[in-house]
Amino acid sequence: LTRNVAELLQELRVAQAGVQILFGFLLAVAFTEVYTRADDFQRGVHL
């Protein structure tokens, strides 16, 4: 059980890093000039 918990938490560290980088990128997109020209479909997909 101890090993399984340690393995699971290590696996999640890998996924967490990727999703946090993606989240940061997505947040930054909303503050760009290109975003002001986005159509409704693009804004919906972004949200």
ModelCIF file with pLDDT and N, C-alpha, C, O atoms, coordinates in Angstrom:
data_MODEL
#
_entry.id   MODEL 
#
_entity.id                         1 
_entity.type                       polymer 
_entity.pdbx_number_of_molecules   1 
#
_entity_poly.entity_id                      1 
_entity_poly.type                           'polypeptide(L)' 
_entity_poly.nstd_linkage                   no 
_entity_poly.nstd_monomer                   no 
_entity_poly.pdbx_seq_one_letter_code       LTRNVAELLQELRVAQAGVQILFGFLLAVAFTEVYTRADDFQRGVHL 
_entity_poly.pdbx_seq_one_letter_code_can   LTRNVAELLQELRVAQAGVQILFGFLLAVAFTEVYTRADDFQRGVHL 
_entity_poly.pdbx_strand_id                 A 
#
loop_
_entity_poly_seq.entity_id 
_entity_poly_seq.num 
_entity_poly_seq.mon_id 
_entity_poly_seq.hetero 
1 1  LEU n 
1 2  THR n 
1 3  ARG n 
1 4  ASN n 
1 5  VAL n 
1 6  ALA n 
1 7  GLU n 
1 8  LEU n 
1 9  LEU n 
1 10 GLN n 
1 11 GLU n 
1 12 LEU n 
1 13 ARG n 
1 14 VAL n 
1 15 ALA n 
1 16 GLN n 
1 17 ALA n 
1 18 GLY n 
1 19 VAL n 
1 20 GLN n 
1 21 ILE n 
1 22 LEU n 
1 23 PHE n 
1 24 GLY n 
1 25 PHE n 
1 26 LEU n 
1 27 LEU n 
1 28 ALA n 
1 29 VAL n 
1 30 ALA n 
1 31 PHE n 
1 32 THR n 
1 33 GLU n 
1 34 VAL n 
1 35 TYR n 
1 36 THR n 
1 37 ARG n 
1 38 ALA n 
1 39 ASP n 
1 40 ASP n 
1 41 PHE n 
1 42 GLN n 
1 43 ARG n 
1 44 GLY n 
1 45 VAL n 
1 46 HIS n 
1 47 LEU n 
#
_struct_asym.id          A 
_struct_asym.entity_id   1 
#
loop_
_ma_qa_metric.id 
_ma_qa_metric.mode 
_ma_qa_metric.name 
_ma_qa_metric.software_group_id 
_ma_qa_metric.type 
1 global pLDDT . pLDDT 
2 local  pLDDT . pLDDT 
#
_ma_qa_metric_global.metric_id      1 
_ma_qa_metric_global.metric_value   86.85 
_ma_qa_metric_global.model_id       1 
_ma_qa_metric_global.ordinal_id     1 
#
loop_
_ma_qa_metric_local.label_asym_id 
_ma_qa_metric_local.label_comp_id 
_ma_qa_metric_local.label_seq_id 
_ma_qa_metric_local.metric_id 
_ma_qa_metric_local.metric_value 
_ma_qa_metric_local.model_id 
_ma_qa_metric_local.ordinal_id 
A LEU 1  2 81.00 1 1  
A THR 2  2 76.00 1 2  
A ARG 3  2 83.00 1 3  
A ASN 4  2 83.00 1 4  
A VAL 5  2 77.00 1 5  
A ALA 6  2 80.00 1 6  
A GLU 7  2 84.00 1 7  
A LEU 8  2 81.00 1 8  
A LEU 9  2 78.00 1 9  
A GLN 10 2 80.00 1 10 
A GLU 11 2 81.00 1 11 
A LEU 12 2 81.00 1 12 
A ARG 13 2 80.00 1 13 
A VAL 14 2 79.00 1 14 
A ALA 15 2 82.00 1 15 
A GLN 16 2 81.00 1 16 
A ALA 17 2 82.00 1 17 
A GLY 18 2 83.00 1 18 
A VAL 19 2 86.00 1 19 
A GLN 20 2 86.00 1 20 
A ILE 21 2 88.00 1 21 
A LEU 22 2 88.00 1 22 
A PHE 23 2 89.00 1 23 
A GLY 24 2 89.00 1 24 
A PHE 25 2 86.00 1 25 
A LEU 26 2 89.00 1 26 
A LEU 27 2 87.00 1 27 
A ALA 28 2 91.00 1 28 
A VAL 29 2 88.00 1 29 
A ALA 30 2 87.00 1 30 
A PHE 31 2 90.00 1 31 
A THR 32 2 89.00 1 32 
A GLU 33 2 89.00 1 33 
A VAL 34 2 86.00 1 34 
A TYR 35 2 89.00 1 35 
A THR 36 2 90.00 1 36 
A ARG 37 2 91.00 1 37 
A ALA 38 2 93.00 1 38 
A ASP 39 2 94.00 1 39 
A ASP 40 2 95.00 1 40 
A PHE 41 2 96.00 1 41 
A GLN 42 2 95.00 1 42 
A ARG 43 2 95.00 1 43 
A GLY 44 2 96.00 1 44 
A VAL 45 2 96.00 1 45 
A HIS 46 2 96.00 1 46 
A LEU 47 2 96.00 1 47 
#
loop_
_atom_site.group_PDB 
_atom_site.id 
_atom_site.type_symbol 
_atom_site.label_atom_id 
_atom_site.label_alt_id 
_atom_site.label_comp_id 
_atom_site.label_asym_id 
_atom_site.label_entity_id 
_atom_site.label_seq_id 
_atom_site.pdbx_PDB_ins_code 
_atom_site.Cartn_x 
_atom_site.Cartn_y 
_atom_site.Cartn_z 
_atom_site.occupancy 
_atom_site.B_iso_or_equiv 
_atom_site.pdbx_formal_charge 
_atom_site.auth_seq_id 
_atom_site.auth_comp_id 
_atom_site.auth_asym_id 
_atom_site.auth_atom_id 
_atom_site.pdbx_PDB_model_num 
ATOM 1   N N  . LEU A 1 1  ? 0.827   -1.203 0.000   1.00 81.00 ? 1  LEU A N  1 
ATOM 2   C CA . LEU A 1 1  ? 0.000   0.000  0.000   1.00 81.00 ? 1  LEU A CA 1 
ATOM 3   C C  . LEU A 1 1  ? 0.865   1.259  0.000   1.00 81.00 ? 1  LEU A C  1 
ATOM 4   O O  . LEU A 1 1  ? 0.575   2.215  -0.719  1.00 81.00 ? 1  LEU A O  1 
ATOM 5   N N  . THR A 1 2  ? 1.910   1.258  0.794   1.00 76.00 ? 2  THR A N  1 
ATOM 6   C CA . THR A 1 2  ? 2.827   2.402  0.845   1.00 76.00 ? 2  THR A CA 1 
ATOM 7   C C  . THR A 1 2  ? 3.465   2.630  -0.519  1.00 76.00 ? 2  THR A C  1 
ATOM 8   O O  . THR A 1 2  ? 3.542   3.763  -0.996  1.00 76.00 ? 2  THR A O  1 
ATOM 9   N N  . ARG A 1 3  ? 3.922   1.548  -1.142  1.00 83.00 ? 3  ARG A N  1 
ATOM 10  C CA . ARG A 1 3  ? 4.530   1.647  -2.473  1.00 83.00 ? 3  ARG A CA 1 
ATOM 11  C C  . ARG A 1 3  ? 3.515   2.138  -3.497  1.00 83.00 ? 3  ARG A C  1 
ATOM 12  O O  . ARG A 1 3  ? 3.838   2.984  -4.330  1.00 83.00 ? 3  ARG A O  1 
ATOM 13  N N  . ASN A 1 4  ? 2.294   1.618  -3.447  1.00 83.00 ? 4  ASN A N  1 
ATOM 14  C CA . ASN A 1 4  ? 1.259   2.035  -4.392  1.00 83.00 ? 4  ASN A CA 1 
ATOM 15  C C  . ASN A 1 4  ? 0.923   3.514  -4.260  1.00 83.00 ? 4  ASN A C  1 
ATOM 16  O O  . ASN A 1 4  ? 0.751   4.200  -5.268  1.00 83.00 ? 4  ASN A O  1 
ATOM 17  N N  . VAL A 1 5  ? 0.828   4.011  -3.040  1.00 77.00 ? 5  VAL A N  1 
ATOM 18  C CA . VAL A 1 5  ? 0.558   5.442  -2.834  1.00 77.00 ? 5  VAL A CA 1 
ATOM 19  C C  . VAL A 1 5  ? 1.710   6.265  -3.392  1.00 77.00 ? 5  VAL A C  1 
ATOM 20  O O  . VAL A 1 5  ? 1.483   7.258  -4.084  1.00 77.00 ? 5  VAL A O  1 
ATOM 21  N N  . ALA A 1 6  ? 2.949   5.863  -3.097  1.00 80.00 ? 6  ALA A N  1 
ATOM 22  C CA . ALA A 1 6  ? 4.117   6.597  -3.590  1.00 80.00 ? 6  ALA A CA 1 
ATOM 23  C C  . ALA A 1 6  ? 4.155   6.600  -5.122  1.00 80.00 ? 6  ALA A C  1 
ATOM 24  O O  . ALA A 1 6  ? 4.436   7.630  -5.734  1.00 80.00 ? 6  ALA A O  1 
ATOM 25  N N  . GLU A 1 7  ? 3.874   5.457  -5.734  1.00 84.00 ? 7  GLU A N  1 
ATOM 26  C CA . GLU A 1 7  ? 3.869   5.376  -7.202  1.00 84.00 ? 7  GLU A CA 1 
ATOM 27  C C  . GLU A 1 7  ? 2.779   6.261  -7.795  1.00 84.00 ? 7  GLU A C  1 
ATOM 28  O O  . GLU A 1 7  ? 3.017   6.968  -8.774  1.00 84.00 ? 7  GLU A O  1 
ATOM 29  N N  . LEU A 1 8  ? 1.599   6.227  -7.213  1.00 81.00 ? 8  LEU A N  1 
ATOM 30  C CA . LEU A 1 8  ? 0.494   7.042  -7.716  1.00 81.00 ? 8  LEU A CA 1 
ATOM 31  C C  . LEU A 1 8  ? 0.828   8.528  -7.624  1.00 81.00 ? 8  LEU A C  1 
ATOM 32  O O  . LEU A 1 8  ? 0.619   9.275  -8.580  1.00 81.00 ? 8  LEU A O  1 
ATOM 33  N N  . LEU A 1 9  ? 1.343   8.952  -6.486  1.00 78.00 ? 9  LEU A N  1 
ATOM 34  C CA . LEU A 1 9  ? 1.669   10.374 -6.325  1.00 78.00 ? 9  LEU A CA 1 
ATOM 35  C C  . LEU A 1 9  ? 2.771   10.795 -7.296  1.00 78.00 ? 9  LEU A C  1 
ATOM 36  O O  . LEU A 1 9  ? 2.744   11.918 -7.798  1.00 78.00 ? 9  LEU A O  1 
ATOM 37  N N  . GLN A 1 10 ? 3.734   9.925  -7.568  1.00 80.00 ? 10 GLN A N  1 
ATOM 38  C CA . GLN A 1 10 ? 4.789   10.235 -8.532  1.00 80.00 ? 10 GLN A CA 1 
ATOM 39  C C  . GLN A 1 10 ? 4.204   10.353 -9.944  1.00 80.00 ? 10 GLN A C  1 
ATOM 40  O O  . GLN A 1 10 ? 4.563   11.265 -10.688 1.00 80.00 ? 10 GLN A O  1 
ATOM 41  N N  . GLU A 1 11 ? 3.321   9.448  -10.308 1.00 81.00 ? 11 GLU A N  1 
ATOM 42  C CA . GLU A 1 11 ? 2.679   9.517  -11.622 1.00 81.00 ? 11 GLU A CA 1 
ATOM 43  C C  . GLU A 1 11 ? 1.895   10.819 -11.777 1.00 81.00 ? 11 GLU A C  1 
ATOM 44  O O  . GLU A 1 11 ? 1.914   11.440 -12.839 1.00 81.00 ? 11 GLU A O  1 
ATOM 45  N N  . LEU A 1 12 ? 1.217   11.219 -10.730 1.00 81.00 ? 12 LEU A N  1 
ATOM 46  C CA . LEU A 1 12 ? 0.420   12.437 -10.791 1.00 81.00 ? 12 LEU A CA 1 
ATOM 47  C C  . LEU A 1 12 ? 1.292   13.680 -10.931 1.00 81.00 ? 12 LEU A C  1 
ATOM 48  O O  . LEU A 1 12 ? 0.864   14.665 -11.533 1.00 81.00 ? 12 LEU A O  1 
ATOM 49  N N  . ARG A 1 13 ? 2.500   13.650 -10.389 1.00 80.00 ? 13 ARG A N  1 
ATOM 50  C CA . ARG A 1 13 ? 3.415   14.792 -10.541 1.00 80.00 ? 13 ARG A CA 1 
ATOM 51  C C  . ARG A 1 13 ? 3.695   15.069 -12.015 1.00 80.00 ? 13 ARG A C  1 
ATOM 52  O O  . ARG A 1 13 ? 3.775   16.225 -12.430 1.00 80.00 ? 13 ARG A O  1 
ATOM 53  N N  . VAL A 1 14 ? 3.843   14.017 -12.793 1.00 79.00 ? 14 VAL A N  1 
ATOM 54  C CA . VAL A 1 14 ? 4.099   14.167 -14.226 1.00 79.00 ? 14 VAL A CA 1 
ATOM 55  C C  . VAL A 1 14 ? 2.912   14.843 -14.900 1.00 79.00 ? 14 VAL A C  1 
ATOM 56  O O  . VAL A 1 14 ? 3.089   15.808 -15.644 1.00 79.00 ? 14 VAL A O  1 
ATOM 57  N N  . ALA A 1 15 ? 1.719   14.351 -14.649 1.00 82.00 ? 15 ALA A N  1 
ATOM 58  C CA . ALA A 1 15 ? 0.519   14.912 -15.261 1.00 82.00 ? 15 ALA A CA 1 
ATOM 59  C C  . ALA A 1 15 ? 0.260   16.337 -14.772 1.00 82.00 ? 15 ALA A C  1 
ATOM 60  O O  . ALA A 1 15 ? -0.159  17.194 -15.550 1.00 82.00 ? 15 ALA A O  1 
ATOM 61  N N  . GLN A 1 16 ? 0.506   16.589 -13.492 1.00 81.00 ? 16 GLN A N  1 
ATOM 62  C CA . GLN A 1 16 ? 0.253   17.917 -12.925 1.00 81.00 ? 16 GLN A CA 1 
ATOM 63  C C  . GLN A 1 16 ? 1.099   18.978 -13.607 1.00 81.00 ? 16 GLN A C  1 
ATOM 64  O O  . GLN A 1 16 ? 0.613   20.070 -13.901 1.00 81.00 ? 16 GLN A O  1 
ATOM 65  N N  . ALA A 1 17 ? 2.352   18.664 -13.858 1.00 82.00 ? 17 ALA A N  1 
ATOM 66  C CA . ALA A 1 17 ? 3.231   19.646 -14.501 1.00 82.00 ? 17 ALA A CA 1 
ATOM 67  C C  . ALA A 1 17 ? 2.678   20.031 -15.872 1.00 82.00 ? 17 ALA A C  1 
ATOM 68  O O  . ALA A 1 17 ? 2.623   21.213 -16.212 1.00 82.00 ? 17 ALA A O  1 
ATOM 69  N N  . GLY A 1 18 ? 2.275   19.047 -16.647 1.00 83.00 ? 18 GLY A N  1 
ATOM 70  C CA . GLY A 1 18 ? 1.733   19.334 -17.972 1.00 83.00 ? 18 GLY A CA 1 
ATOM 71  C C  . GLY A 1 18 ? 0.468   20.148 -17.936 1.00 83.00 ? 18 GLY A C  1 
ATOM 72  O O  . GLY A 1 18 ? 0.322   21.094 -18.709 1.00 83.00 ? 18 GLY A O  1 
ATOM 73  N N  . VAL A 1 19 ? -0.444  19.809 -17.064 1.00 86.00 ? 19 VAL A N  1 
ATOM 74  C CA . VAL A 1 19 ? -1.720  20.519 -17.015 1.00 86.00 ? 19 VAL A CA 1 
ATOM 75  C C  . VAL A 1 19 ? -1.530  21.931 -16.458 1.00 86.00 ? 19 VAL A C  1 
ATOM 76  O O  . VAL A 1 19 ? -2.247  22.844 -16.866 1.00 86.00 ? 19 VAL A O  1 
ATOM 77  N N  . GLN A 1 20 ? -0.605  22.129 -15.559 1.00 86.00 ? 20 GLN A N  1 
ATOM 78  C CA . GLN A 1 20 ? -0.365  23.465 -15.025 1.00 86.00 ? 20 GLN A CA 1 
ATOM 79  C C  . GLN A 1 20 ? 0.260   24.369 -16.081 1.00 86.00 ? 20 GLN A C  1 
ATOM 80  O O  . GLN A 1 20 ? -0.066  25.554 -16.153 1.00 86.00 ? 20 GLN A O  1 
ATOM 81  N N  . ILE A 1 21 ? 1.155   23.822 -16.901 1.00 88.00 ? 21 ILE A N  1 
ATOM 82  C CA . ILE A 1 21 ? 1.731   24.609 -18.003 1.00 88.00 ? 21 ILE A CA 1 
ATOM 83  C C  . ILE A 1 21 ? 0.642   24.956 -19.010 1.00 88.00 ? 21 ILE A C  1 
ATOM 84  O O  . ILE A 1 21 ? 0.563   26.093 -19.476 1.00 88.00 ? 21 ILE A O  1 
ATOM 85  N N  . LEU A 1 22 ? -0.195  23.984 -19.344 1.00 88.00 ? 22 LEU A N  1 
ATOM 86  C CA . LEU A 1 22 ? -1.301  24.228 -20.268 1.00 88.00 ? 22 LEU A CA 1 
ATOM 87  C C  . LEU A 1 22 ? -2.239  25.294 -19.719 1.00 88.00 ? 22 LEU A C  1 
ATOM 88  O O  . LEU A 1 22 ? -2.653  26.193 -20.452 1.00 88.00 ? 22 LEU A O  1 
ATOM 89  N N  . PHE A 1 23 ? -2.576  25.203 -18.443 1.00 89.00 ? 23 PHE A N  1 
ATOM 90  C CA . PHE A 1 23 ? -3.469  26.180 -17.822 1.00 89.00 ? 23 PHE A CA 1 
ATOM 91  C C  . PHE A 1 23 ? -2.875  27.588 -17.913 1.00 89.00 ? 23 PHE A C  1 
ATOM 92  O O  . PHE A 1 23 ? -3.578  28.544 -18.241 1.00 89.00 ? 23 PHE A O  1 
ATOM 93  N N  . GLY A 1 24 ? -1.587  27.709 -17.622 1.00 89.00 ? 24 GLY A N  1 
ATOM 94  C CA . GLY A 1 24 ? -0.921  29.009 -17.728 1.00 89.00 ? 24 GLY A CA 1 
ATOM 95  C C  . GLY A 1 24 ? -0.979  29.562 -19.143 1.00 89.00 ? 24 GLY A C  1 
ATOM 96  O O  . GLY A 1 24 ? -1.247  30.746 -19.342 1.00 89.00 ? 24 GLY A O  1 
ATOM 97  N N  . PHE A 1 25 ? -0.727  28.703 -20.124 1.00 86.00 ? 25 PHE A N  1 
ATOM 98  C CA . PHE A 1 25 ? -0.807  29.120 -21.519 1.00 86.00 ? 25 PHE A CA 1 
ATOM 99  C C  . PHE A 1 25 ? -2.212  29.612 -21.851 1.00 86.00 ? 25 PHE A C  1 
ATOM 100 O O  . PHE A 1 25 ? -2.377  30.666 -22.464 1.00 86.00 ? 25 PHE A O  1 
ATOM 101 N N  . LEU A 1 26 ? -3.215  28.850 -21.445 1.00 89.00 ? 26 LEU A N  1 
ATOM 102 C CA . LEU A 1 26 ? -4.599  29.218 -21.749 1.00 89.00 ? 26 LEU A CA 1 
ATOM 103 C C  . LEU A 1 26 ? -5.003  30.526 -21.084 1.00 89.00 ? 26 LEU A C  1 
ATOM 104 O O  . LEU A 1 26 ? -5.747  31.319 -21.662 1.00 89.00 ? 26 LEU A O  1 
ATOM 105 N N  . LEU A 1 27 ? -4.515  30.748 -19.877 1.00 87.00 ? 27 LEU A N  1 
ATOM 106 C CA . LEU A 1 27 ? -4.815  32.027 -19.217 1.00 87.00 ? 27 LEU A CA 1 
ATOM 107 C C  . LEU A 1 27 ? -4.161  33.187 -19.964 1.00 87.00 ? 27 LEU A C  1 
ATOM 108 O O  . LEU A 1 27 ? -4.771  34.242 -20.137 1.00 87.00 ? 27 LEU A O  1 
ATOM 109 N N  . ALA A 1 28 ? -2.932  32.991 -20.402 1.00 91.00 ? 28 ALA A N  1 
ATOM 110 C CA . ALA A 1 28 ? -2.212  34.059 -21.098 1.00 91.00 ? 28 ALA A CA 1 
ATOM 111 C C  . ALA A 1 28 ? -2.887  34.422 -22.421 1.00 91.00 ? 28 ALA A C  1 
ATOM 112 O O  . ALA A 1 28 ? -2.891  35.588 -22.816 1.00 91.00 ? 28 ALA A O  1 
ATOM 113 N N  . VAL A 1 29 ? -3.451  33.437 -23.098 1.00 88.00 ? 29 VAL A N  1 
ATOM 114 C CA . VAL A 1 29 ? -4.089  33.676 -24.393 1.00 88.00 ? 29 VAL A CA 1 
ATOM 115 C C  . VAL A 1 29 ? -5.175  34.748 -24.290 1.00 88.00 ? 29 VAL A C  1 
ATOM 116 O O  . VAL A 1 29 ? -5.317  35.581 -25.185 1.00 88.00 ? 29 VAL A O  1 
ATOM 117 N N  . ALA A 1 30 ? -5.930  34.725 -23.208 1.00 87.00 ? 30 ALA A N  1 
ATOM 118 C CA . ALA A 1 30 ? -7.047  35.670 -23.061 1.00 87.00 ? 30 ALA A CA 1 
ATOM 119 C C  . ALA A 1 30 ? -6.589  37.121 -22.965 1.00 87.00 ? 30 ALA A C  1 
ATOM 120 O O  . ALA A 1 30 ? -7.399  38.036 -23.110 1.00 87.00 ? 30 ALA A O  1 
ATOM 121 N N  . PHE A 1 31 ? -5.308  37.336 -22.726 1.00 90.00 ? 31 PHE A N  1 
ATOM 122 C CA . PHE A 1 31 ? -4.806  38.702 -22.560 1.00 90.00 ? 31 PHE A CA 1 
ATOM 123 C C  . PHE A 1 31 ? -3.952  39.150 -23.745 1.00 90.00 ? 31 PHE A C  1 
ATOM 124 O O  . PHE A 1 31 ? -3.154  40.079 -23.627 1.00 90.00 ? 31 PHE A O  1 
ATOM 125 N N  . THR A 1 32 ? -4.123  38.493 -24.872 1.00 89.00 ? 32 THR A N  1 
ATOM 126 C CA . THR A 1 32 ? -3.368  38.858 -26.068 1.00 89.00 ? 32 THR A CA 1 
ATOM 127 C C  . THR A 1 32 ? -4.249  39.653 -27.022 1.00 89.00 ? 32 THR A C  1 
ATOM 128 O O  . THR A 1 32 ? -5.476  39.620 -26.935 1.00 89.00 ? 32 THR A O  1 
ATOM 129 N N  . GLU A 1 33 ? -3.603  40.361 -27.927 1.00 89.00 ? 33 GLU A N  1 
ATOM 130 C CA . GLU A 1 33 ? -4.348  41.126 -28.927 1.00 89.00 ? 33 GLU A CA 1 
ATOM 131 C C  . GLU A 1 33 ? -5.103  40.202 -29.877 1.00 89.00 ? 33 GLU A C  1 
ATOM 132 O O  . GLU A 1 33 ? -6.206  40.525 -30.317 1.00 89.00 ? 33 GLU A O  1 
ATOM 133 N N  . VAL A 1 34 ? -4.516  39.066 -30.189 1.00 86.00 ? 34 VAL A N  1 
ATOM 134 C CA . VAL A 1 34 ? -5.167  38.105 -31.086 1.00 86.00 ? 34 VAL A CA 1 
ATOM 135 C C  . VAL A 1 34 ? -6.504  37.658 -30.496 1.00 86.00 ? 34 VAL A C  1 
ATOM 136 O O  . VAL A 1 34 ? -7.464  37.443 -31.237 1.00 86.00 ? 34 VAL A O  1 
ATOM 137 N N  . TYR A 1 35 ? -6.575  37.517 -29.185 1.00 89.00 ? 35 TYR A N  1 
ATOM 138 C CA . TYR A 1 35 ? -7.816  37.059 -28.549 1.00 89.00 ? 35 TYR A CA 1 
ATOM 139 C C  . TYR A 1 35 ? -8.951  38.055 -28.772 1.00 89.00 ? 35 TYR A C  1 
ATOM 140 O O  . TYR A 1 35 ? -10.113 37.660 -28.867 1.00 89.00 ? 35 TYR A O  1 
ATOM 141 N N  . THR A 1 36 ? -8.624  39.334 -28.855 1.00 90.00 ? 36 THR A N  1 
ATOM 142 C CA . THR A 1 36 ? -9.669  40.340 -29.075 1.00 90.00 ? 36 THR A CA 1 
ATOM 143 C C  . THR A 1 36 ? -10.325 40.178 -30.445 1.00 90.00 ? 36 THR A C  1 
ATOM 144 O O  . THR A 1 36 ? -11.448 40.634 -30.660 1.00 90.00 ? 36 THR A O  1 
ATOM 145 N N  . ARG A 1 37 ? -9.616  39.522 -31.372 1.00 91.00 ? 37 ARG A N  1 
ATOM 146 C CA . ARG A 1 37 ? -10.160 39.285 -32.714 1.00 91.00 ? 37 ARG A CA 1 
ATOM 147 C C  . ARG A 1 37 ? -10.809 37.900 -32.845 1.00 91.00 ? 37 ARG A C  1 
ATOM 148 O O  . ARG A 1 37 ? -11.283 37.543 -33.923 1.00 91.00 ? 37 ARG A O  1 
ATOM 149 N N  . ALA A 1 38 ? -10.832 37.126 -31.767 1.00 93.00 ? 38 ALA A N  1 
ATOM 150 C CA . ALA A 1 38 ? -11.395 35.774 -31.814 1.00 93.00 ? 38 ALA A CA 1 
ATOM 151 C C  . ALA A 1 38 ? -12.903 35.841 -32.036 1.00 93.00 ? 38 ALA A C  1 
ATOM 152 O O  . ALA A 1 38 ? -13.585 36.736 -31.537 1.00 93.00 ? 38 ALA A O  1 
ATOM 153 N N  . ASP A 1 39 ? -13.400 34.873 -32.795 1.00 94.00 ? 39 ASP A N  1 
ATOM 154 C CA . ASP A 1 39 ? -14.849 34.815 -33.004 1.00 94.00 ? 39 ASP A CA 1 
ATOM 155 C C  . ASP A 1 39 ? -15.498 34.057 -31.846 1.00 94.00 ? 39 ASP A C  1 
ATOM 156 O O  . ASP A 1 39 ? -14.811 33.573 -30.946 1.00 94.00 ? 39 ASP A O  1 
ATOM 157 N N  . ASP A 1 40 ? -16.817 33.961 -31.879 1.00 95.00 ? 40 ASP A N  1 
ATOM 158 C CA . ASP A 1 40 ? -17.552 33.316 -30.787 1.00 95.00 ? 40 ASP A CA 1 
ATOM 159 C C  . ASP A 1 40 ? -17.163 31.843 -30.620 1.00 95.00 ? 40 ASP A C  1 
ATOM 160 O O  . ASP A 1 40 ? -17.046 31.353 -29.496 1.00 95.00 ? 40 ASP A O  1 
ATOM 161 N N  . PHE A 1 41 ? -16.964 31.140 -31.739 1.00 96.00 ? 41 PHE A N  1 
ATOM 162 C CA . PHE A 1 41 ? -16.558 29.737 -31.669 1.00 96.00 ? 41 PHE A CA 1 
ATOM 163 C C  . PHE A 1 41 ? -15.220 29.613 -30.937 1.00 96.00 ? 41 PHE A C  1 
ATOM 164 O O  . PHE A 1 41 ? -15.080 28.775 -30.046 1.00 96.00 ? 41 PHE A O  1 
ATOM 165 N N  . GLN A 1 42 ? -14.252 30.426 -31.299 1.00 95.00 ? 42 GLN A N  1 
ATOM 166 C CA . GLN A 1 42 ? -12.934 30.368 -30.676 1.00 95.00 ? 42 GLN A CA 1 
ATOM 167 C C  . GLN A 1 42 ? -12.989 30.727 -29.197 1.00 95.00 ? 42 GLN A C  1 
ATOM 168 O O  . GLN A 1 42 ? -12.324 30.098 -28.375 1.00 95.00 ? 42 GLN A O  1 
ATOM 169 N N  . ARG A 1 43 ? -13.775 31.728 -28.867 1.00 95.00 ? 43 ARG A N  1 
ATOM 170 C CA . ARG A 1 43 ? -13.923 32.089 -27.449 1.00 95.00 ? 43 ARG A CA 1 
ATOM 171 C C  . ARG A 1 43 ? -14.598 30.975 -26.660 1.00 95.00 ? 43 ARG A C  1 
ATOM 172 O O  . ARG A 1 43 ? -14.217 30.689 -25.525 1.00 95.00 ? 43 ARG A O  1 
ATOM 173 N N  . GLY A 1 44 ? -15.593 30.354 -27.260 1.00 96.00 ? 44 GLY A N  1 
ATOM 174 C CA . GLY A 1 44 ? -16.274 29.238 -26.601 1.00 96.00 ? 44 GLY A CA 1 
ATOM 175 C C  . GLY A 1 44 ? -15.342 28.059 -26.389 1.00 96.00 ? 44 GLY A C  1 
ATOM 176 O O  . GLY A 1 44 ? -15.309 27.472 -25.307 1.00 96.00 ? 44 GLY A O  1 
ATOM 177 N N  . VAL A 1 45 ? -14.578 27.709 -27.431 1.00 96.00 ? 45 VAL A N  1 
ATOM 178 C CA . VAL A 1 45 ? -13.614 26.605 -27.307 1.00 96.00 ? 45 VAL A CA 1 
ATOM 179 C C  . VAL A 1 45 ? -12.584 26.944 -26.238 1.00 96.00 ? 45 VAL A C  1 
ATOM 180 O O  . VAL A 1 45 ? -12.207 26.086 -25.440 1.00 96.00 ? 45 VAL A O  1 
ATOM 181 N N  . HIS A 1 46 ? -12.134 28.184 -26.223 1.00 96.00 ? 46 HIS A N  1 
ATOM 182 C CA . HIS A 1 46 ? -11.137 28.600 -25.226 1.00 96.00 ? 46 HIS A CA 1 
ATOM 183 C C  . HIS A 1 46 ? -11.700 28.444 -23.816 1.00 96.00 ? 46 HIS A C  1 
ATOM 184 O O  . HIS A 1 46 ? -11.038 27.887 -22.941 1.00 96.00 ? 46 HIS A O  1 
ATOM 185 N N  . LEU A 1 47 ? -12.909 28.930 -23.595 1.00 96.00 ? 47 LEU A N  1 
ATOM 186 C CA . LEU A 1 47 ? -13.509 28.845 -22.262 1.00 96.00 ? 47 LEU A CA 1 
ATOM 187 C C  . LEU A 1 47 ? -13.698 27.396 -21.824 1.00 96.00 ? 47 LEU A C  1 
ATOM 188 O O  . LEU A 1 47 ? -14.191 27.142 -20.725 1.00 96.00 ? 47 LEU A O  1 
#
